[in-house]
């Protein structure tokens, strides 16, 4: 049990050293993640459609 209590004390002490992002940074990073996710989703969708059309073309020959 003492190990667990020491763990909690150490964790609390370490959390005081964390530099948390500001509200503006959090919003900016969140929007960046959303934008990149949408971009990657569209890019993968385009590649998927292109490969599907290529396979349909090759199979129908």
PDB file of N, CA and C in Angstrom:
ATOM      1  N   UNK A   1       0.821  -1.195   0.000  1.00  0.00           N
ATOM      2  CA  UNK A   1       0.000   0.000   0.000  1.00  0.00           C
ATOM      3  C   UNK A   1       0.865   1.260   0.000  1.00  0.00           C
ATOM      4  N   UNK A   2       1.991   1.175   0.678  1.00  0.00           N
ATOM      5  CA  UNK A   2       2.889   2.331   0.738  1.00  0.00           C
ATOM      6  C   UNK A   2       3.433   2.675  -0.648  1.00  0.00           C
ATOM      7  N   UNK A   3       3.670   1.640  -1.468  1.00  0.00           N
ATOM      8  CA  UNK A   3       4.144   1.891  -2.834  1.00  0.00           C
ATOM      9  C   UNK A   3       3.124   2.690  -3.632  1.00  0.00           C
ATOM     10  N   UNK A   4       1.861   2.354  -3.441  1.00  0.00           N
ATOM     11  CA  UNK A   4       0.803   3.056  -4.161  1.00  0.00           C
ATOM     12  C   UNK A   4       0.717   4.518  -3.708  1.00  0.00           C
ATOM     13  N   UNK A   5       0.835   4.745  -2.417  1.00  0.00           N
ATOM     14  CA  UNK A   5       0.790   6.112  -1.889  1.00  0.00           C
ATOM     15  C   UNK A   5       1.979   6.908  -2.418  1.00  0.00           C
ATOM     16  N   UNK A   6       3.160   6.302  -2.451  1.00  0.00           N
ATOM     17  CA  UNK A   6       4.344   6.977  -3.003  1.00  0.00           C
ATOM     18  C   UNK A   6       4.144   7.283  -4.488  1.00  0.00           C
ATOM     19  N   UNK A   7       3.537   6.368  -5.190  1.00  0.00           N
ATOM     20  CA  UNK A   7       3.251   6.579  -6.611  1.00  0.00           C
ATOM     21  C   UNK A   7       2.345   7.800  -6.793  1.00  0.00           C
ATOM     22  N   UNK A   8       1.299   7.890  -6.007  1.00  0.00           N
ATOM     23  CA  UNK A   8       0.382   9.024  -6.108  1.00  0.00           C
ATOM     24  C   UNK A   8       1.079  10.338  -5.765  1.00  0.00           C
ATOM     25  N   UNK A   9       1.924  10.334  -4.742  1.00  0.00           N
ATOM     26  CA  UNK A   9       2.666  11.546  -4.376  1.00  0.00           C
ATOM     27  C   UNK A   9       3.624  11.958  -5.489  1.00  0.00           C
ATOM     28  N   UNK A  10       4.312  10.993  -6.052  1.00  0.00           N
ATOM     29  CA  UNK A  10       5.246  11.288  -7.144  1.00  0.00           C
ATOM     30  C   UNK A  10       4.504  11.803  -8.374  1.00  0.00           C
ATOM     31  N   UNK A  11       3.360  11.204  -8.663  1.00  0.00           N
ATOM     32  CA  UNK A  11       2.568  11.639  -9.811  1.00  0.00           C
ATOM     33  C   UNK A  11       2.092  13.068  -9.622  1.00  0.00           C
ATOM     34  N   UNK A  12       1.641  13.389  -8.427  1.00  0.00           N
ATOM     35  CA  UNK A  12       1.179  14.754  -8.136  1.00  0.00           C
ATOM     36  C   UNK A  12       2.328  15.754  -8.274  1.00  0.00           C
ATOM     37  N   UNK A  13       3.501  15.385  -7.808  1.00  0.00           N
ATOM     38  CA  UNK A  13       4.661  16.271  -7.916  1.00  0.00           C
ATOM     39  C   UNK A  13       5.048  16.483  -9.375  1.00  0.00           C
ATOM     40  N   UNK A  14       4.997  15.433 -10.177  1.00  0.00           N
ATOM     41  CA  UNK A  14       5.346  15.553 -11.599  1.00  0.00           C
ATOM     42  C   UNK A  14       4.332  16.399 -12.363  1.00  0.00           C
ATOM     43  N   UNK A  15       3.069  16.306 -11.980  1.00  0.00           N
ATOM     44  CA  UNK A  15       2.032  17.078 -12.662  1.00  0.00           C
ATOM     45  C   UNK A  15       2.223  18.576 -12.467  1.00  0.00           C
ATOM     46  N   UNK A  16       2.905  18.970 -11.401  1.00  0.00           N
ATOM     47  CA  UNK A  16       3.187  20.387 -11.181  1.00  0.00           C
ATOM     48  C   UNK A  16       4.237  20.906 -12.159  1.00  0.00           C
ATOM     49  N   UNK A  17       5.023  20.001 -12.745  1.00  0.00           N
ATOM     50  CA  UNK A  17       6.070  20.393 -13.687  1.00  0.00           C
ATOM     51  C   UNK A  17       5.575  20.438 -15.136  1.00  0.00           C
ATOM     52  N   UNK A  18       4.371  19.982 -15.378  1.00  0.00           N
ATOM     53  CA  UNK A  18       3.823  19.945 -16.734  1.00  0.00           C
ATOM     54  C   UNK A  18       3.492  21.365 -17.179  1.00  0.00           C
ATOM     55  N   UNK A  19       3.889  21.708 -18.403  1.00  0.00           N
ATOM     56  CA  UNK A  19       3.482  23.012 -18.935  1.00  0.00           C
ATOM     57  C   UNK A  19       2.270  22.776 -19.832  1.00  0.00           C
ATOM     58  N   UNK A  20       1.124  23.171 -19.355  1.00  0.00           N
ATOM     59  CA  UNK A  20      -0.122  22.937 -20.049  1.00  0.00           C
ATOM     60  C   UNK A  20      -0.310  23.975 -21.143  1.00  0.00           C
ATOM     61  N   UNK A  21      -0.905  23.597 -22.274  1.00  0.00           N
ATOM     62  CA  UNK A  21      -1.140  24.570 -23.350  1.00  0.00           C
ATOM     63  C   UNK A  21      -2.211  25.582 -22.938  1.00  0.00           C
ATOM     64  N   UNK A  22      -2.129  26.747 -23.550  1.00  0.00           N
ATOM     65  CA  UNK A  22      -3.149  27.758 -23.292  1.00  0.00           C
ATOM     66  C   UNK A  22      -4.436  27.382 -24.027  1.00  0.00           C
ATOM     67  N   UNK A  23      -5.497  28.116 -23.732  1.00  0.00           N
ATOM     68  CA  UNK A  23      -6.780  27.849 -24.393  1.00  0.00           C
ATOM     69  C   UNK A  23      -6.646  28.062 -25.899  1.00  0.00           C
ATOM     70  N   UNK A  24      -5.944  29.131 -26.303  1.00  0.00           N
ATOM     71  CA  UNK A  24      -5.769  29.401 -27.732  1.00  0.00           C
ATOM     72  C   UNK A  24      -4.961  28.300 -28.416  1.00  0.00           C
ATOM     73  N   UNK A  25      -3.927  27.808 -27.753  1.00  0.00           N
ATOM     74  CA  UNK A  25      -3.117  26.723 -28.327  1.00  0.00           C
ATOM     75  C   UNK A  25      -3.955  25.457 -28.464  1.00  0.00           C
ATOM     76  N   UNK A  26      -4.753  25.165 -27.458  1.00  0.00           N
ATOM     77  CA  UNK A  26      -5.594  23.968 -27.491  1.00  0.00           C
ATOM     78  C   UNK A  26      -6.581  24.033 -28.657  1.00  0.00           C
ATOM     79  N   UNK A  27      -7.194  25.196 -28.847  1.00  0.00           N
ATOM     80  CA  UNK A  27      -8.138  25.360 -29.955  1.00  0.00           C
ATOM     81  C   UNK A  27      -7.415  25.222 -31.291  1.00  0.00           C
ATOM     82  N   UNK A  28      -6.252  25.865 -31.409  1.00  0.00           N
ATOM     83  CA  UNK A  28      -5.501  25.803 -32.665  1.00  0.00           C
ATOM     84  C   UNK A  28      -5.074  24.375 -32.981  1.00  0.00           C
ATOM     85  N   UNK A  29      -4.566  23.656 -31.989  1.00  0.00           N
ATOM     86  CA  UNK A  29      -4.132  22.277 -32.221  1.00  0.00           C
ATOM     87  C   UNK A  29      -5.311  21.377 -32.549  1.00  0.00           C
ATOM     88  N   UNK A  30      -6.441  21.605 -31.901  1.00  0.00           N
ATOM     89  CA  UNK A  30      -7.636  20.809 -32.182  1.00  0.00           C
ATOM     90  C   UNK A  30      -8.104  21.024 -33.617  1.00  0.00           C
ATOM     91  N   UNK A  31      -8.131  22.280 -34.044  1.00  0.00           N
ATOM     92  CA  UNK A  31      -8.541  22.571 -35.423  1.00  0.00           C
ATOM     93  C   UNK A  31      -7.552  21.986 -36.424  1.00  0.00           C
ATOM     94  N   UNK A  32      -6.273  22.018 -36.090  1.00  0.00           N
ATOM     95  CA  UNK A  32      -5.256  21.430 -36.960  1.00  0.00           C
ATOM     96  C   UNK A  32      -5.459  19.927 -37.106  1.00  0.00           C
ATOM     97  N   UNK A  33      -5.729  19.258 -36.011  1.00  0.00           N
ATOM     98  CA  UNK A  33      -5.965  17.805 -36.057  1.00  0.00           C
ATOM     99  C   UNK A  33      -7.208  17.487 -36.880  1.00  0.00           C
ATOM    100  N   UNK A  34      -8.269  18.265 -36.697  1.00  0.00           N
ATOM    101  CA  UNK A  34      -9.500  18.033 -37.468  1.00  0.00           C
ATOM    102  C   UNK A  34      -9.247  18.260 -38.962  1.00  0.00           C
ATOM    103  N   UNK A  35      -8.551  19.357 -39.297  1.00  0.00           N
ATOM    104  CA  UNK A  35      -8.277  19.660 -40.703  1.00  0.00           C
ATOM    105  C   UNK A  35      -7.409  18.577 -41.342  1.00  0.00           C
ATOM    106  N   UNK A  36      -6.376  18.145 -40.649  1.00  0.00           N
ATOM    107  CA  UNK A  36      -5.515  17.096 -41.203  1.00  0.00           C
ATOM    108  C   UNK A  36      -6.265  15.772 -41.336  1.00  0.00           C
ATOM    109  N   UNK A  37      -7.121  15.474 -40.386  1.00  0.00           N
ATOM    110  CA  UNK A  37      -7.910  14.245 -40.459  1.00  0.00           C
ATOM    111  C   UNK A  37      -8.840  14.268 -41.663  1.00  0.00           C
ATOM    112  N   UNK A  38      -9.493  15.408 -41.887  1.00  0.00           N
ATOM    113  CA  UNK A  38     -10.375  15.522 -43.047  1.00  0.00           C
ATOM    114  C   UNK A  38      -9.589  15.428 -44.351  1.00  0.00           C
ATOM    115  N   UNK A  39      -8.423  16.064 -44.398  1.00  0.00           N
ATOM    116  CA  UNK A  39      -7.585  16.009 -45.592  1.00  0.00           C
ATOM    117  C   UNK A  39      -7.157  14.574 -45.896  1.00  0.00           C
ATOM    118  N   UNK A  40      -6.705  13.860 -44.891  1.00  0.00           N
ATOM    119  CA  UNK A  40      -6.280  12.464 -45.078  1.00  0.00           C
ATOM    120  C   UNK A  40      -7.470  11.600 -45.496  1.00  0.00           C
ATOM    121  N   UNK A  41      -8.646  11.844 -44.902  1.00  0.00           N
ATOM    122  CA  UNK A  41      -9.840  11.072 -45.267  1.00  0.00           C
ATOM    123  C   UNK A  41     -10.194  11.287 -46.735  1.00  0.00           C
ATOM    124  N   UNK A  42     -10.148  12.534 -47.187  1.00  0.00           N
ATOM    125  CA  UNK A  42     -10.445  12.822 -48.592  1.00  0.00           C
ATOM    126  C   UNK A  42      -9.398  12.189 -49.502  1.00  0.00           C
ATOM    127  N   UNK A  43      -8.128  12.314 -49.124  1.00  0.00           N
ATOM    128  CA  UNK A  43      -7.047  11.741 -49.922  1.00  0.00           C
ATOM    129  C   UNK A  43      -7.192  10.219 -50.040  1.00  0.00           C
ATOM    130  N   UNK A  44      -7.481   9.556 -48.933  1.00  0.00           N
ATOM    131  CA  UNK A  44      -7.677   8.107 -48.981  1.00  0.00           C
ATOM    132  C   UNK A  44      -8.911   7.745 -49.808  1.00  0.00           C
ATOM    133  N   UNK A  45      -9.958   8.556 -49.713  1.00  0.00           N
ATOM    134  CA  UNK A  45     -11.159   8.310 -50.518  1.00  0.00           C
ATOM    135  C   UNK A  45     -10.871   8.420 -52.001  1.00  0.00           C
ATOM    136  N   UNK A  46     -10.067   9.418 -52.384  1.00  0.00           N
ATOM    137  CA  UNK A  46      -9.707   9.582 -53.794  1.00  0.00           C
ATOM    138  C   UNK A  46      -8.879   8.393 -54.274  1.00  0.00           C
ATOM    139  N   UNK A  47      -7.894   7.989 -53.485  1.00  0.00           N
ATOM    140  CA  UNK A  47      -7.080   6.829 -53.870  1.00  0.00           C
ATOM    141  C   UNK A  47      -7.929   5.570 -53.953  1.00  0.00           C
ATOM    142  N   UNK A  48      -8.828   5.389 -52.996  1.00  0.00           N
ATOM    143  CA  UNK A  48      -9.695   4.217 -53.002  1.00  0.00           C
ATOM    144  C   UNK A  48     -10.556   4.188 -54.256  1.00  0.00           C
ATOM    145  N   UNK A  49     -11.148   5.329 -54.601  1.00  0.00           N
ATOM    146  CA  UNK A  49     -11.985   5.387 -55.800  1.00  0.00           C
ATOM    147  C   UNK A  49     -11.157   5.129 -57.051  1.00  0.00           C
ATOM    148  N   UNK A  50      -9.958   5.683 -57.096  1.00  0.00           N
ATOM    149  CA  UNK A  50      -9.084   5.468 -58.251  1.00  0.00           C
ATOM    150  C   UNK A  50      -8.686   4.010 -58.401  1.00  0.00           C
ATOM    151  N   UNK A  51      -8.301   3.378 -57.307  1.00  0.00           N
ATOM    152  CA  UNK A  51      -7.931   1.959 -57.379  1.00  0.00           C
ATOM    153  C   UNK A  51      -9.126   1.086 -57.725  1.00  0.00           C
ATOM    154  N   UNK A  52     -10.322   1.462 -57.212  1.00  0.00           N
ATOM    155  CA  UNK A  52     -11.518   0.687 -57.531  1.00  0.00           C
ATOM    156  C   UNK A  52     -11.820   0.770 -59.022  1.00  0.00           C
ATOM    157  N   UNK A  53     -11.725   1.988 -59.574  1.00  0.00           N
ATOM    158  CA  UNK A  53     -11.966   2.135 -61.011  1.00  0.00           C
ATOM    159  C   UNK A  53     -10.921   1.380 -61.837  1.00  0.00           C
ATOM    160  N   UNK A  54      -9.672   1.419 -61.394  1.00  0.00           N
ATOM    161  CA  UNK A  54      -8.610   0.694 -62.106  1.00  0.00           C
ATOM    162  C   UNK A  54      -8.872  -0.808 -62.049  1.00  0.00           C
ATOM    163  N   UNK A  55      -9.284  -1.324 -60.913  1.00  0.00           N
ATOM    164  CA  UNK A  55      -9.569  -2.761 -60.808  1.00  0.00           C
ATOM    165  C   UNK A  55     -10.786  -3.134 -61.652  1.00  0.00           C
ATOM    166  N   UNK A  56     -11.809  -2.294 -61.638  1.00  0.00           N
ATOM    167  CA  UNK A  56     -12.991  -2.564 -62.475  1.00  0.00           C
ATOM    168  C   UNK A  56     -12.608  -2.587 -63.947  1.00  0.00           C
ATOM    169  N   UNK A  57     -11.738  -1.675 -64.351  1.00  0.00           N
ATOM    170  CA  UNK A  57     -11.283  -1.618 -65.728  1.00  0.00           C
ATOM    171  C   UNK A  57     -10.503  -2.883 -66.085  1.00  0.00           C
ATOM    172  N   UNK A  58      -9.592  -3.310 -65.192  1.00  0.00           N
ATOM    173  CA  UNK A  58      -8.773  -4.478 -65.469  1.00  0.00           C
ATOM    174  C   UNK A  58      -9.596  -5.776 -65.462  1.00  0.00           C
ATOM    175  N   UNK A  59     -10.567  -5.853 -64.568  1.00  0.00           N
ATOM    176  CA  UNK A  59     -11.389  -7.069 -64.466  1.00  0.00           C
ATOM    177  C   UNK A  59     -12.348  -7.177 -65.652  1.00  0.00           C
ATOM    178  N   UNK A  60     -12.869  -6.075 -66.139  1.00  0.00           N
ATOM    179  CA  UNK A  60     -13.868  -6.108 -67.204  1.00  0.00           C
ATOM    180  C   UNK A  60     -13.248  -6.408 -68.561  1.00  0.00           C
ATOM    181  N   UNK A  61     -11.964  -6.401 -68.679  1.00  0.00           N
ATOM    182  CA  UNK A  61     -11.299  -6.649 -69.982  1.00  0.00           C
ATOM    183  C   UNK A  61     -11.312  -8.089 -70.319  1.00  0.00           C
TER     184      UNK A  61
END
